[in-house]
N, C-alpha and C. Protein backbone atom coordinates (compact mmCIF):
# COMPACT_ATOMS: atom_id res chain seq x y z
N UNK A 1 -7.09 -4.69 -3.99
CA UNK A 1 -7.45 -3.18 -3.79
C UNK A 1 -7.15 -2.49 -4.77
N UNK A 2 -8.20 -1.09 -5.09
CA UNK A 2 -7.78 -0.44 -6.27
C UNK A 2 -8.16 0.84 -5.42
N UNK A 3 -7.52 1.83 -5.84
CA UNK A 3 -7.84 3.41 -5.27
C UNK A 3 -9.06 3.71 -5.75
N UNK A 4 -9.68 4.19 -4.51
CA UNK A 4 -11.17 4.50 -4.75
C UNK A 4 -10.95 5.87 -5.73
N UNK A 5 -10.32 6.56 -6.06
CA UNK A 5 -10.40 7.64 -6.54
C UNK A 5 -10.21 7.79 -7.91
N UNK A 6 -9.09 6.64 -8.43
CA UNK A 6 -8.99 6.54 -9.75
C UNK A 6 -9.08 5.44 -10.29
N UNK A 7 -8.84 3.93 -9.37
CA UNK A 7 -9.11 2.86 -9.77
C UNK A 7 -7.45 2.22 -10.32
N UNK A 8 -6.62 2.98 -9.71
CA UNK A 8 -5.42 2.28 -10.12
C UNK A 8 -4.82 0.81 -9.02
N UNK A 9 -4.09 0.02 -9.36
CA UNK A 9 -3.66 -1.29 -8.14
C UNK A 9 -2.02 -0.49 -7.86
N UNK A 10 -1.31 0.64 -8.09
CA UNK A 10 -0.14 0.58 -7.64
C UNK A 10 -0.04 1.39 -6.16
N UNK A 11 0.72 1.24 -5.59
CA UNK A 11 0.67 1.90 -4.57
C UNK A 11 1.90 1.97 -4.14
N UNK A 12 2.69 3.40 -3.26
CA UNK A 12 4.03 3.11 -2.62
C UNK A 12 3.56 3.87 -0.97
N UNK A 13 4.57 3.30 -0.42
CA UNK A 13 5.19 4.45 0.72
C UNK A 13 6.00 4.91 0.56
N UNK A 14 6.28 6.18 0.86
CA UNK A 14 7.06 7.12 0.68
C UNK A 14 8.16 7.37 -0.75
N UNK A 15 7.47 6.98 -1.56
CA UNK A 15 8.17 6.93 -2.97
C UNK A 15 8.46 5.76 -3.34
N UNK A 16 8.43 4.40 -2.37
CA UNK A 16 8.62 3.34 -2.83
C UNK A 16 7.36 2.12 -3.21
N UNK A 17 7.60 1.99 -4.16
CA UNK A 17 6.58 0.82 -4.85
C UNK A 17 6.38 -0.24 -4.14
N UNK A 18 5.35 -0.59 -3.51
CA UNK A 18 5.24 -1.67 -2.58
C UNK A 18 4.44 -2.76 -3.32
N UNK A 19 3.76 -2.50 -4.68
CA UNK A 19 3.18 -3.61 -5.36
C UNK A 19 4.37 -4.38 -6.34
N UNK A 20 5.28 -3.99 -6.19
CA UNK A 20 6.13 -4.45 -7.49
C UNK A 20 6.23 -5.98 -7.17
N UNK A 21 6.46 -6.46 -6.21
CA UNK A 21 6.41 -7.83 -5.75
C UNK A 21 4.88 -8.60 -5.06
N UNK A 22 4.22 -7.67 -5.17
CA UNK A 22 2.64 -8.23 -4.80
C UNK A 22 1.70 -7.35 -5.54
N UNK A 23 0.52 -8.24 -5.88
CA UNK A 23 -0.44 -7.84 -6.77
C UNK A 23 -1.55 -8.13 -5.60
N UNK A 24 -2.17 -6.80 -5.19
CA UNK A 24 -3.08 -6.14 -4.44
C UNK A 24 -4.49 -6.25 -5.14
N UNK A 25 -4.68 -6.46 -6.30
CA UNK A 25 -5.78 -6.31 -6.82
C UNK A 25 -6.98 -7.08 -6.46
N UNK A 26 -6.30 -8.15 -6.21
CA UNK A 26 -7.70 -8.94 -5.33
C UNK A 26 -7.86 -9.04 -3.81
N UNK A 27 -6.99 -8.43 -3.19
CA UNK A 27 -6.86 -8.25 -1.82
C UNK A 27 -8.14 -7.29 -1.23
N UNK A 28 -8.49 -6.81 0.00
CA UNK A 28 -9.60 -6.10 0.49
C UNK A 28 -8.39 -5.13 0.92
N UNK A 29 -8.95 -3.73 1.29
CA UNK A 29 -7.75 -3.01 2.11
C UNK A 29 -7.67 -2.94 3.35
N UNK A 30 -8.37 -4.11 4.33
CA UNK A 30 -8.50 -4.85 5.57
C UNK A 30 -7.06 -5.57 5.46
N UNK A 31 -7.11 -6.21 4.08
CA UNK A 31 -6.16 -7.68 4.14
C UNK A 31 -4.87 -6.96 4.27
N UNK A 32 -4.83 -5.85 3.28
CA UNK A 32 -3.28 -5.20 2.74
C UNK A 32 -2.51 -4.53 3.76
N UNK A 33 -3.94 -3.87 4.47
CA UNK A 33 -3.58 -2.94 6.23
C UNK A 33 -2.70 -4.17 6.93
N UNK A 34 -3.64 -5.25 7.29
CA UNK A 34 -3.26 -6.26 8.37
C UNK A 34 -1.72 -6.72 7.81
N UNK A 35 -1.36 -7.15 6.84
CA UNK A 35 -0.03 -7.86 6.05
C UNK A 35 0.88 -6.26 6.27
N UNK A 36 0.43 -5.48 6.44
CA UNK A 36 1.52 -4.15 6.17
C UNK A 36 1.76 -3.91 7.79
N UNK A 37 1.06 -4.01 8.44
CA UNK A 37 1.05 -3.62 9.96
C UNK A 37 1.80 -5.16 10.48
N UNK A 38 1.89 -6.05 9.90
CA UNK A 38 2.55 -7.24 10.40
C UNK A 38 3.62 -7.31 9.72
N UNK A 39 4.42 -6.60 9.08
CA UNK A 39 5.30 -6.90 8.21
C UNK A 39 5.63 -8.02 7.36
N UNK A 40 4.64 -8.19 7.00
CA UNK A 40 4.63 -9.60 5.46
C UNK A 40 5.03 -9.46 4.50
N UNK A 41 4.94 -7.76 4.00
CA UNK A 41 5.85 -7.58 2.86
C UNK A 41 7.37 -7.22 3.09
N UNK A 42 8.10 -7.76 2.29
CA UNK A 42 9.47 -7.37 2.59
C UNK A 42 9.87 -6.05 2.35
N UNK A 43 9.42 -5.46 1.26
CA UNK A 43 10.24 -4.07 1.16
C UNK A 43 9.42 -3.08 1.94
N UNK A 44 8.23 -3.62 2.72
CA UNK A 44 7.86 -2.58 3.92
C UNK A 44 8.53 -2.11 5.14
N UNK A 45 9.40 -3.39 5.29
CA UNK A 45 9.93 -3.36 7.07
C UNK A 45 10.70 -1.83 6.91
N UNK A 46 11.81 -1.63 6.22
CA UNK A 46 12.71 -0.72 5.82
C UNK A 46 11.40 0.60 6.25
N UNK A 47 10.88 0.83 5.92
CA UNK A 47 9.62 1.76 6.09
C UNK A 47 8.68 1.90 6.96
N UNK A 48 8.92 0.95 7.98
CA UNK A 48 7.80 1.21 9.08
C UNK A 48 7.16 2.25 9.71
N UNK A 49 8.40 3.12 10.05
CA UNK A 49 7.79 4.36 10.23
C UNK A 49 6.87 5.10 9.96
N UNK A 50 6.75 4.95 8.28
CA UNK A 50 5.97 6.10 7.72
C UNK A 50 4.33 5.20 7.61
N UNK A 51 3.38 6.03 7.35
CA UNK A 51 2.18 5.47 7.95
C UNK A 51 0.84 5.60 6.84
N UNK A 52 1.50 6.38 5.61
CA UNK A 52 0.47 6.45 4.56
C UNK A 52 0.57 5.66 3.29
N UNK A 53 -0.19 4.63 2.75
CA UNK A 53 -0.13 4.15 1.77
C UNK A 53 -0.95 5.02 0.71
N UNK A 54 0.20 5.43 -0.31
CA UNK A 54 -0.65 6.49 -1.62
C UNK A 54 -0.85 6.19 -2.97
N UNK A 55 -1.43 6.15 -3.64
CA UNK A 55 -1.48 5.54 -5.18
C UNK A 55 -0.54 6.22 -5.93
N UNK A 56 -0.02 5.31 -6.77
CA UNK A 56 1.08 5.77 -7.79
C UNK A 56 0.99 6.83 -8.86
N UNK A 57 -0.85 6.42 -8.80
CA UNK A 57 -1.05 7.76 -9.72
C UNK A 57 -1.78 8.76 -9.92
N UNK A 58 -2.54 8.76 -8.86
CA UNK A 58 -3.16 10.09 -8.52
C UNK A 58 -2.76 10.63 -7.39
N UNK A 59 -1.90 9.79 -6.32
CA UNK A 59 -1.32 10.28 -5.01
C UNK A 59 -2.00 10.34 -4.05
N UNK A 60 -3.45 9.80 -4.24
CA UNK A 60 -4.05 9.93 -3.02
C UNK A 60 -3.88 8.78 -2.13
N UNK A 61 -4.21 9.25 -0.72
CA UNK A 61 -3.69 8.39 0.18
C UNK A 61 -5.07 7.42 0.35
N UNK A 62 -4.15 6.07 0.01
CA UNK A 62 -5.41 4.98 0.56
C UNK A 62 -5.54 4.30 1.76
N UNK A 63 -4.47 4.10 2.30
CA UNK A 63 -4.41 3.57 3.94
C UNK A 63 -3.75 4.29 4.70
N UNK A 64 -4.17 4.87 5.86
CA UNK A 64 -3.34 5.34 6.69
C UNK A 64 -3.25 4.26 8.15
N UNK A 65 -1.78 3.98 8.36
CA UNK A 65 -1.41 2.74 9.34
C UNK A 65 -1.45 3.73 10.64
N UNK A 66 -1.60 2.79 11.76
CA UNK A 66 -1.84 3.43 13.03
C UNK A 66 -0.70 3.14 13.79
């Protein structure tokens, strides 16, 4: 997964880098979204109430979780 706006592969939720332990480069947006919603990323669980994944480089909203 890359940011469509700038090409970055670093992302965060509410200021917390969610790519620190994971390399999303080879994942599709859908795979990342499904894993986030299923709580498969350790450091996402605490931030479950937030619904936007943003690019660390340009701050563009990459995924809106429902």
